[in-house]
């Protein structure tokens, strides 16, 4: 009978810490979920604010590529003309 009381007392002593750990985990999960929702909204706002800049950078890149290609064609034509002058 004494052994049963000691075992019951050991289980009773562990009950409160186990409940505290479980409750703490649920509170942590709720906090992390709230943070994830907030971060997602902030990232969406950041993406919207940078959308115009991204489009402008893409247009600038296309323009620079076309300009570079045109410049190479002009240099090639000049080189061709220079070589055609001296047979």
PDB file of N, CA and C in Angstrom:
ATOM      1  N   UNK A   1       0.802  -1.185   0.000  1.00  0.00           N
ATOM      2  CA  UNK A   1       0.000   0.000   0.000  1.00  0.00           C
ATOM      3  C   UNK A   1       0.857   1.265   0.000  1.00  0.00           C
ATOM      4  N   UNK A   2       1.961   1.255   0.693  1.00  0.00           N
ATOM      5  CA  UNK A   2       2.845   2.411   0.747  1.00  0.00           C
ATOM      6  C   UNK A   2       3.469   2.678  -0.607  1.00  0.00           C
ATOM      7  N   UNK A   3       3.757   1.632  -1.328  1.00  0.00           N
ATOM      8  CA  UNK A   3       4.354   1.787  -2.654  1.00  0.00           C
ATOM      9  C   UNK A   3       3.371   2.488  -3.593  1.00  0.00           C
ATOM     10  N   UNK A   4       2.113   2.155  -3.498  1.00  0.00           N
ATOM     11  CA  UNK A   4       1.080   2.778  -4.324  1.00  0.00           C
ATOM     12  C   UNK A   4       0.963   4.275  -4.041  1.00  0.00           C
ATOM     13  N   UNK A   5       1.088   4.653  -2.773  1.00  0.00           N
ATOM     14  CA  UNK A   5       1.015   6.078  -2.421  1.00  0.00           C
ATOM     15  C   UNK A   5       2.214   6.838  -2.981  1.00  0.00           C
ATOM     16  N   UNK A   6       3.391   6.220  -2.913  1.00  0.00           N
ATOM     17  CA  UNK A   6       4.589   6.895  -3.439  1.00  0.00           C
ATOM     18  C   UNK A   6       4.505   7.048  -4.946  1.00  0.00           C
ATOM     19  N   UNK A   7       4.013   6.040  -5.636  1.00  0.00           N
ATOM     20  CA  UNK A   7       3.877   6.122  -7.077  1.00  0.00           C
ATOM     21  C   UNK A   7       2.818   7.158  -7.444  1.00  0.00           C
ATOM     22  N   UNK A   8       1.714   7.193  -6.742  1.00  0.00           N
ATOM     23  CA  UNK A   8       0.672   8.180  -6.980  1.00  0.00           C
ATOM     24  C   UNK A   8       1.157   9.585  -6.685  1.00  0.00           C
ATOM     25  N   UNK A   9       1.974   9.723  -5.667  1.00  0.00           N
ATOM     26  CA  UNK A   9       2.539  11.028  -5.317  1.00  0.00           C
ATOM     27  C   UNK A   9       3.499  11.495  -6.405  1.00  0.00           C
ATOM     28  N   UNK A  10       4.287  10.568  -6.995  1.00  0.00           N
ATOM     29  CA  UNK A  10       5.226  10.930  -8.066  1.00  0.00           C
ATOM     30  C   UNK A  10       4.467  11.391  -9.307  1.00  0.00           C
ATOM     31  N   UNK A  11       3.376  10.714  -9.624  1.00  0.00           N
ATOM     32  CA  UNK A  11       2.566  11.111 -10.780  1.00  0.00           C
ATOM     33  C   UNK A  11       1.902  12.456 -10.509  1.00  0.00           C
ATOM     34  N   UNK A  12       1.433  12.669  -9.319  1.00  0.00           N
ATOM     35  CA  UNK A  12       0.816  13.937  -8.948  1.00  0.00           C
ATOM     36  C   UNK A  12       1.805  15.084  -8.978  1.00  0.00           C
ATOM     37  N   UNK A  13       3.071  14.824  -8.647  1.00  0.00           N
ATOM     38  CA  UNK A  13       4.091  15.863  -8.689  1.00  0.00           C
ATOM     39  C   UNK A  13       4.449  16.258 -10.130  1.00  0.00           C
ATOM     40  N   UNK A  14       4.316  15.341 -11.067  1.00  0.00           N
ATOM     41  CA  UNK A  14       4.647  15.628 -12.468  1.00  0.00           C
ATOM     42  C   UNK A  14       3.504  16.260 -13.243  1.00  0.00           C
ATOM     43  N   UNK A  15       2.302  16.200 -12.719  1.00  0.00           N
ATOM     44  CA  UNK A  15       1.135  16.689 -13.435  1.00  0.00           C
ATOM     45  C   UNK A  15       1.227  18.179 -13.763  1.00  0.00           C
ATOM     46  N   UNK A  16       1.582  18.999 -12.797  1.00  0.00           N
ATOM     47  CA  UNK A  16       1.644  20.451 -13.006  1.00  0.00           C
ATOM     48  C   UNK A  16       2.720  20.848 -14.022  1.00  0.00           C
ATOM     49  N   UNK A  17       3.961  20.341 -13.925  1.00  0.00           N
ATOM     50  CA  UNK A  17       4.965  20.715 -14.935  1.00  0.00           C
ATOM     51  C   UNK A  17       4.583  20.272 -16.347  1.00  0.00           C
ATOM     52  N   UNK A  18       3.968  19.108 -16.483  1.00  0.00           N
ATOM     53  CA  UNK A  18       3.560  18.637 -17.810  1.00  0.00           C
ATOM     54  C   UNK A  18       2.492  19.551 -18.384  1.00  0.00           C
ATOM     55  N   UNK A  19       1.520  19.935 -17.572  1.00  0.00           N
ATOM     56  CA  UNK A  19       0.472  20.845 -18.033  1.00  0.00           C
ATOM     57  C   UNK A  19       1.075  22.190 -18.415  1.00  0.00           C
ATOM     58  N   UNK A  20       2.014  22.690 -17.636  1.00  0.00           N
ATOM     59  CA  UNK A  20       2.653  23.974 -17.948  1.00  0.00           C
ATOM     60  C   UNK A  20       3.423  23.914 -19.268  1.00  0.00           C
ATOM     61  N   UNK A  21       4.120  22.818 -19.508  1.00  0.00           N
ATOM     62  CA  UNK A  21       4.862  22.666 -20.762  1.00  0.00           C
ATOM     63  C   UNK A  21       3.903  22.607 -21.949  1.00  0.00           C
ATOM     64  N   UNK A  22       2.828  21.861 -21.827  1.00  0.00           N
ATOM     65  CA  UNK A  22       1.856  21.751 -22.920  1.00  0.00           C
ATOM     66  C   UNK A  22       1.202  23.097 -23.200  1.00  0.00           C
ATOM     67  N   UNK A  23       0.797  23.793 -22.170  1.00  0.00           N
ATOM     68  CA  UNK A  23       0.182  25.107 -22.352  1.00  0.00           C
ATOM     69  C   UNK A  23       1.190  26.078 -22.964  1.00  0.00           C
ATOM     70  N   UNK A  24       2.437  26.028 -22.525  1.00  0.00           N
ATOM     71  CA  UNK A  24       3.472  26.906 -23.079  1.00  0.00           C
ATOM     72  C   UNK A  24       3.674  26.635 -24.566  1.00  0.00           C
ATOM     73  N   UNK A  25       3.647  25.373 -24.963  1.00  0.00           N
ATOM     74  CA  UNK A  25       3.803  25.040 -26.378  1.00  0.00           C
ATOM     75  C   UNK A  25       2.640  25.589 -27.208  1.00  0.00           C
ATOM     76  N   UNK A  26       1.430  25.477 -26.700  1.00  0.00           N
ATOM     77  CA  UNK A  26       0.285  26.026 -27.427  1.00  0.00           C
ATOM     78  C   UNK A  26       0.370  27.543 -27.537  1.00  0.00           C
ATOM     79  N   UNK A  27       0.793  28.214 -26.476  1.00  0.00           N
ATOM     80  CA  UNK A  27       0.956  29.667 -26.525  1.00  0.00           C
ATOM     81  C   UNK A  27       2.033  30.045 -27.529  1.00  0.00           C
ATOM     82  N   UNK A  28       3.138  29.298 -27.556  1.00  0.00           N
ATOM     83  CA  UNK A  28       4.214  29.557 -28.517  1.00  0.00           C
ATOM     84  C   UNK A  28       3.733  29.360 -29.945  1.00  0.00           C
ATOM     85  N   UNK A  29       2.971  28.305 -30.192  1.00  0.00           N
ATOM     86  CA  UNK A  29       2.446  28.063 -31.542  1.00  0.00           C
ATOM     87  C   UNK A  29       1.506  29.184 -31.968  1.00  0.00           C
ATOM     88  N   UNK A  30       0.678  29.661 -31.069  1.00  0.00           N
ATOM     89  CA  UNK A  30      -0.234  30.762 -31.389  1.00  0.00           C
ATOM     90  C   UNK A  30       0.547  32.033 -31.705  1.00  0.00           C
ATOM     91  N   UNK A  31       1.576  32.315 -30.931  1.00  0.00           N
ATOM     92  CA  UNK A  31       2.405  33.499 -31.173  1.00  0.00           C
ATOM     93  C   UNK A  31       3.112  33.403 -32.519  1.00  0.00           C
ATOM     94  N   UNK A  32       3.699  32.249 -32.821  1.00  0.00           N
ATOM     95  CA  UNK A  32       4.407  32.069 -34.087  1.00  0.00           C
ATOM     96  C   UNK A  32       3.450  32.183 -35.276  1.00  0.00           C
ATOM     97  N   UNK A  33       2.243  31.681 -35.123  1.00  0.00           N
ATOM     98  CA  UNK A  33       1.247  31.799 -36.192  1.00  0.00           C
ATOM     99  C   UNK A  33       0.892  33.260 -36.427  1.00  0.00           C
ATOM    100  N   UNK A  34       0.705  34.005 -35.362  1.00  0.00           N
ATOM    101  CA  UNK A  34       0.436  35.441 -35.490  1.00  0.00           C
ATOM    102  C   UNK A  34       1.578  36.175 -36.167  1.00  0.00           C
ATOM    103  N   UNK A  35       2.805  35.840 -35.815  1.00  0.00           N
ATOM    104  CA  UNK A  35       3.975  36.460 -36.438  1.00  0.00           C
ATOM    105  C   UNK A  35       4.056  36.115 -37.922  1.00  0.00           C
ATOM    106  N   UNK A  36       3.755  34.870 -38.276  1.00  0.00           N
ATOM    107  CA  UNK A  36       3.796  34.450 -39.680  1.00  0.00           C
ATOM    108  C   UNK A  36       2.752  35.204 -40.498  1.00  0.00           C
ATOM    109  N   UNK A  37       1.570  35.382 -39.937  1.00  0.00           N
ATOM    110  CA  UNK A  37       0.517  36.133 -40.633  1.00  0.00           C
ATOM    111  C   UNK A  37       0.940  37.588 -40.816  1.00  0.00           C
ATOM    112  N   UNK A  38       1.518  38.169 -39.793  1.00  0.00           N
ATOM    113  CA  UNK A  38       1.979  39.561 -39.871  1.00  0.00           C
ATOM    114  C   UNK A  38       3.096  39.695 -40.897  1.00  0.00           C
ATOM    115  N   UNK A  39       4.056  38.775 -40.879  1.00  0.00           N
ATOM    116  CA  UNK A  39       5.173  38.832 -41.825  1.00  0.00           C
ATOM    117  C   UNK A  39       4.693  38.667 -43.259  1.00  0.00           C
ATOM    118  N   UNK A  40       3.706  37.808 -43.462  1.00  0.00           N
ATOM    119  CA  UNK A  40       3.184  37.605 -44.808  1.00  0.00           C
ATOM    120  C   UNK A  40       2.562  38.893 -45.333  1.00  0.00           C
ATOM    121  N   UNK A  41       1.818  39.578 -44.488  1.00  0.00           N
ATOM    122  CA  UNK A  41       1.225  40.855 -44.900  1.00  0.00           C
ATOM    123  C   UNK A  41       2.289  41.901 -45.187  1.00  0.00           C
ATOM    124  N   UNK A  42       3.322  41.949 -44.358  1.00  0.00           N
ATOM    125  CA  UNK A  42       4.393  42.920 -44.566  1.00  0.00           C
ATOM    126  C   UNK A  42       5.154  42.624 -45.859  1.00  0.00           C
ATOM    127  N   UNK A  43       5.388  41.353 -46.141  1.00  0.00           N
ATOM    128  CA  UNK A  43       6.074  40.992 -47.381  1.00  0.00           C
ATOM    129  C   UNK A  43       5.228  41.324 -48.609  1.00  0.00           C
ATOM    130  N   UNK A  44       3.924  41.141 -48.500  1.00  0.00           N
ATOM    131  CA  UNK A  44       3.038  41.497 -49.618  1.00  0.00           C
ATOM    132  C   UNK A  44       3.077  43.006 -49.860  1.00  0.00           C
ATOM    133  N   UNK A  45       3.072  43.796 -48.797  1.00  0.00           N
ATOM    134  CA  UNK A  45       3.167  45.252 -48.948  1.00  0.00           C
ATOM    135  C   UNK A  45       4.497  45.654 -49.574  1.00  0.00           C
ATOM    136  N   UNK A  46       5.575  45.018 -49.150  1.00  0.00           N
ATOM    137  CA  UNK A  46       6.891  45.320 -49.710  1.00  0.00           C
ATOM    138  C   UNK A  46       6.946  44.969 -51.188  1.00  0.00           C
ATOM    139  N   UNK A  47       6.365  43.841 -51.543  1.00  0.00           N
ATOM    140  CA  UNK A  47       6.370  43.435 -52.950  1.00  0.00           C
ATOM    141  C   UNK A  47       5.573  44.420 -53.796  1.00  0.00           C
ATOM    142  N   UNK A  48       4.416  44.843 -53.290  1.00  0.00           N
ATOM    143  CA  UNK A  48       3.607  45.821 -54.024  1.00  0.00           C
ATOM    144  C   UNK A  48       4.367  47.139 -54.194  1.00  0.00           C
ATOM    145  N   UNK A  49       5.093  47.559 -53.177  1.00  0.00           N
ATOM    146  CA  UNK A  49       5.805  48.825 -53.272  1.00  0.00           C
ATOM    147  C   UNK A  49       6.985  48.747 -54.234  1.00  0.00           C
ATOM    148  N   UNK A  50       7.536  47.568 -54.439  1.00  0.00           N
ATOM    149  CA  UNK A  50       8.683  47.425 -55.334  1.00  0.00           C
ATOM    150  C   UNK A  50       8.288  46.987 -56.741  1.00  0.00           C
ATOM    151  N   UNK A  51       7.011  46.784 -56.983  1.00  0.00           N
ATOM    152  CA  UNK A  51       6.551  46.290 -58.289  1.00  0.00           C
ATOM    153  C   UNK A  51       6.914  47.264 -59.405  1.00  0.00           C
ATOM    154  N   UNK A  52       6.681  48.556 -59.197  1.00  0.00           N
ATOM    155  CA  UNK A  52       6.977  49.556 -60.214  1.00  0.00           C
ATOM    156  C   UNK A  52       8.469  49.596 -60.498  1.00  0.00           C
ATOM    157  N   UNK A  53       9.271  49.548 -59.446  1.00  0.00           N
ATOM    158  CA  UNK A  53      10.722  49.575 -59.639  1.00  0.00           C
ATOM    159  C   UNK A  53      11.209  48.347 -60.399  1.00  0.00           C
ATOM    160  N   UNK A  54      10.610  47.206 -60.125  1.00  0.00           N
ATOM    161  CA  UNK A  54      10.998  45.984 -60.818  1.00  0.00           C
ATOM    162  C   UNK A  54      10.645  46.072 -62.298  1.00  0.00           C
ATOM    163  N   UNK A  55       9.464  46.578 -62.608  1.00  0.00           N
ATOM    164  CA  UNK A  55       9.069  46.732 -64.016  1.00  0.00           C
ATOM    165  C   UNK A  55       9.970  47.725 -64.729  1.00  0.00           C
ATOM    166  N   UNK A  56      10.287  48.813 -64.054  1.00  0.00           N
ATOM    167  CA  UNK A  56      11.160  49.820 -64.664  1.00  0.00           C
ATOM    168  C   UNK A  56      12.563  49.259 -64.906  1.00  0.00           C
ATOM    169  N   UNK A  57      13.058  48.461 -63.966  1.00  0.00           N
ATOM    170  CA  UNK A  57      14.377  47.842 -64.147  1.00  0.00           C
ATOM    171  C   UNK A  57      14.370  46.861 -65.311  1.00  0.00           C
ATOM    172  N   UNK A  58      13.285  46.124 -65.474  1.00  0.00           N
ATOM    173  CA  UNK A  58      13.191  45.192 -66.598  1.00  0.00           C
ATOM    174  C   UNK A  58      13.152  45.949 -67.920  1.00  0.00           C
ATOM    175  N   UNK A  59      12.418  47.051 -67.971  1.00  0.00           N
ATOM    176  CA  UNK A  59      12.378  47.852 -69.191  1.00  0.00           C
ATOM    177  C   UNK A  59      13.742  48.455 -69.503  1.00  0.00           C
ATOM    178  N   UNK A  60      14.432  48.906 -68.465  1.00  0.00           N
ATOM    179  CA  UNK A  60      15.770  49.463 -68.648  1.00  0.00           C
ATOM    180  C   UNK A  60      16.723  48.406 -69.168  1.00  0.00           C
ATOM    181  N   UNK A  61      16.598  47.187 -68.672  1.00  0.00           N
ATOM    182  CA  UNK A  61      17.460  46.095 -69.130  1.00  0.00           C
ATOM    183  C   UNK A  61      17.210  45.792 -70.606  1.00  0.00           C
ATOM    184  N   UNK A  62      15.942  45.761 -71.014  1.00  0.00           N
ATOM    185  CA  UNK A  62      15.607  45.508 -72.418  1.00  0.00           C
ATOM    186  C   UNK A  62      16.161  46.631 -73.284  1.00  0.00           C
ATOM    187  N   UNK A  63      15.997  47.870 -72.840  1.00  0.00           N
ATOM    188  CA  UNK A  63      16.519  49.008 -73.601  1.00  0.00           C
ATOM    189  C   UNK A  63      18.037  48.923 -73.712  1.00  0.00           C
ATOM    190  N   UNK A  64      18.710  48.592 -72.610  1.00  0.00           N
ATOM    191  CA  UNK A  64      20.173  48.505 -72.634  1.00  0.00           C
ATOM    192  C   UNK A  64      20.640  47.392 -73.566  1.00  0.00           C
ATOM    193  N   UNK A  65      19.935  46.268 -73.562  1.00  0.00           N
ATOM    194  CA  UNK A  65      20.300  45.177 -74.466  1.00  0.00           C
ATOM    195  C   UNK A  65      20.129  45.590 -75.922  1.00  0.00           C
ATOM    196  N   UNK A  66      19.026  46.277 -76.223  1.00  0.00           N
ATOM    197  CA  UNK A  66      18.806  46.736 -77.602  1.00  0.00           C
ATOM    198  C   UNK A  66      19.849  47.764 -78.009  1.00  0.00           C
ATOM    199  N   UNK A  67      20.150  48.684 -77.104  1.00  0.00           N
ATOM    200  CA  UNK A  67      21.147  49.707 -77.400  1.00  0.00           C
ATOM    201  C   UNK A  67      22.511  49.079 -77.626  1.00  0.00           C
ATOM    202  N   UNK A  68      22.875  48.119 -76.799  1.00  0.00           N
ATOM    203  CA  UNK A  68      24.163  47.441 -76.942  1.00  0.00           C
ATOM    204  C   UNK A  68      24.222  46.699 -78.273  1.00  0.00           C
ATOM    205  N   UNK A  69      23.138  46.034 -78.646  1.00  0.00           N
ATOM    206  CA  UNK A  69      23.089  45.309 -79.913  1.00  0.00           C
ATOM    207  C   UNK A  69      23.220  46.285 -81.079  1.00  0.00           C
ATOM    208  N   UNK A  70      22.504  47.418 -81.007  1.00  0.00           N
ATOM    209  CA  UNK A  70      22.592  48.432 -82.058  1.00  0.00           C
ATOM    210  C   UNK A  70      24.005  48.990 -82.149  1.00  0.00           C
ATOM    211  N   UNK A  71      24.619  49.232 -81.008  1.00  0.00           N
ATOM    212  CA  UNK A  71      25.979  49.762 -80.974  1.00  0.00           C
ATOM    213  C   UNK A  71      26.969  48.782 -81.606  1.00  0.00           C
ATOM    214  N   UNK A  72      26.791  47.501 -81.322  1.00  0.00           N
ATOM    215  CA  UNK A  72      27.666  46.492 -81.927  1.00  0.00           C
ATOM    216  C   UNK A  72      27.481  46.438 -83.431  1.00  0.00           C
ATOM    217  N   UNK A  73      26.231  46.583 -83.903  1.00  0.00           N
ATOM    218  CA  UNK A  73      25.978  46.592 -85.345  1.00  0.00           C
ATOM    219  C   UNK A  73      26.641  47.793 -86.013  1.00  0.00           C
ATOM    220  N   UNK A  74      26.553  48.955 -85.377  1.00  0.00           N
ATOM    221  CA  UNK A  74      27.171  50.162 -85.946  1.00  0.00           C
ATOM    222  C   UNK A  74      28.684  50.001 -85.999  1.00  0.00           C
ATOM    223  N   UNK A  75      29.282  49.495 -84.913  1.00  0.00           N
ATOM    224  CA  UNK A  75      30.740  49.282 -84.921  1.00  0.00           C
ATOM    225  C   UNK A  75      31.146  48.278 -85.996  1.00  0.00           C
ATOM    226  N   UNK A  76      30.338  47.246 -86.162  1.00  0.00           N
ATOM    227  CA  UNK A  76      30.633  46.254 -87.193  1.00  0.00           C
ATOM    228  C   UNK A  76      30.544  46.845 -88.582  1.00  0.00           C
ATOM    229  N   UNK A  77      29.536  47.705 -88.800  1.00  0.00           N
ATOM    230  CA  UNK A  77      29.387  48.344 -90.112  1.00  0.00           C
ATOM    231  C   UNK A  77      30.554  49.283 -90.377  1.00  0.00           C
ATOM    232  N   UNK A  78      30.990  50.011 -89.365  1.00  0.00           N
ATOM    233  CA  UNK A  78      32.135  50.902 -89.534  1.00  0.00           C
ATOM    234  C   UNK A  78      33.404  50.108 -89.843  1.00  0.00           C
ATOM    235  N   UNK A  79      33.570  48.995 -89.156  1.00  0.00           N
ATOM    236  CA  UNK A  79      34.736  48.148 -89.404  1.00  0.00           C
ATOM    237  C   UNK A  79      34.684  47.588 -90.830  1.00  0.00           C
ATOM    238  N   UNK A  80      33.489  47.208 -91.271  1.00  0.00           N
ATOM    239  CA  UNK A  80      33.323  46.689 -92.629  1.00  0.00           C
ATOM    240  C   UNK A  80      33.674  47.776 -93.643  1.00  0.00           C
ATOM    241  N   UNK A  81      33.182  49.007 -93.390  1.00  0.00           N
ATOM    242  CA  UNK A  81      33.493  50.126 -94.300  1.00  0.00           C
ATOM    243  C   UNK A  81      34.986  50.411 -94.312  1.00  0.00           C
ATOM    244  N   UNK A  82      35.625  50.342 -93.176  1.00  0.00           N
ATOM    245  CA  UNK A  82      37.064  50.598 -93.093  1.00  0.00           C
ATOM    246  C   UNK A  82      37.828  49.548 -93.867  1.00  0.00           C
ATOM    247  N   UNK A  83      37.431  48.307 -93.734  1.00  0.00           N
ATOM    248  CA  UNK A  83      38.119  47.236 -94.467  1.00  0.00           C
ATOM    249  C   UNK A  83      37.839  47.298 -95.957  1.00  0.00           C
ATOM    250  N   UNK A  84      36.643  47.782 -96.336  1.00  0.00           N
ATOM    251  CA  UNK A  84      36.293  47.881 -97.764  1.00  0.00           C
ATOM    252  C   UNK A  84      37.077  48.990 -98.431  1.00  0.00           C
ATOM    253  N   UNK A  85      37.502  50.005 -97.712  1.00  0.00           N
ATOM    254  CA  UNK A  85      38.264  51.106 -98.289  1.00  0.00           C
ATOM    255  C   UNK A  85      39.668  50.674 -98.688  1.00  0.00           C
ATOM    256  N   UNK A  86      40.268  49.727 -97.961  1.00  0.00           N
ATOM    257  CA  UNK A  86      41.632  49.300 -98.236  1.00  0.00           C
ATOM    258  C   UNK A  86      41.634  47.861 -98.743  1.00  0.00           C
ATOM    259  N   UNK A  87      41.660  47.701-100.043  1.00  0.00           N
ATOM    260  CA  UNK A  87      41.606  46.335-100.589  1.00  0.00           C
ATOM    261  C   UNK A  87      42.882  45.552-100.396  1.00  0.00           C
TER     262      UNK A  87
END
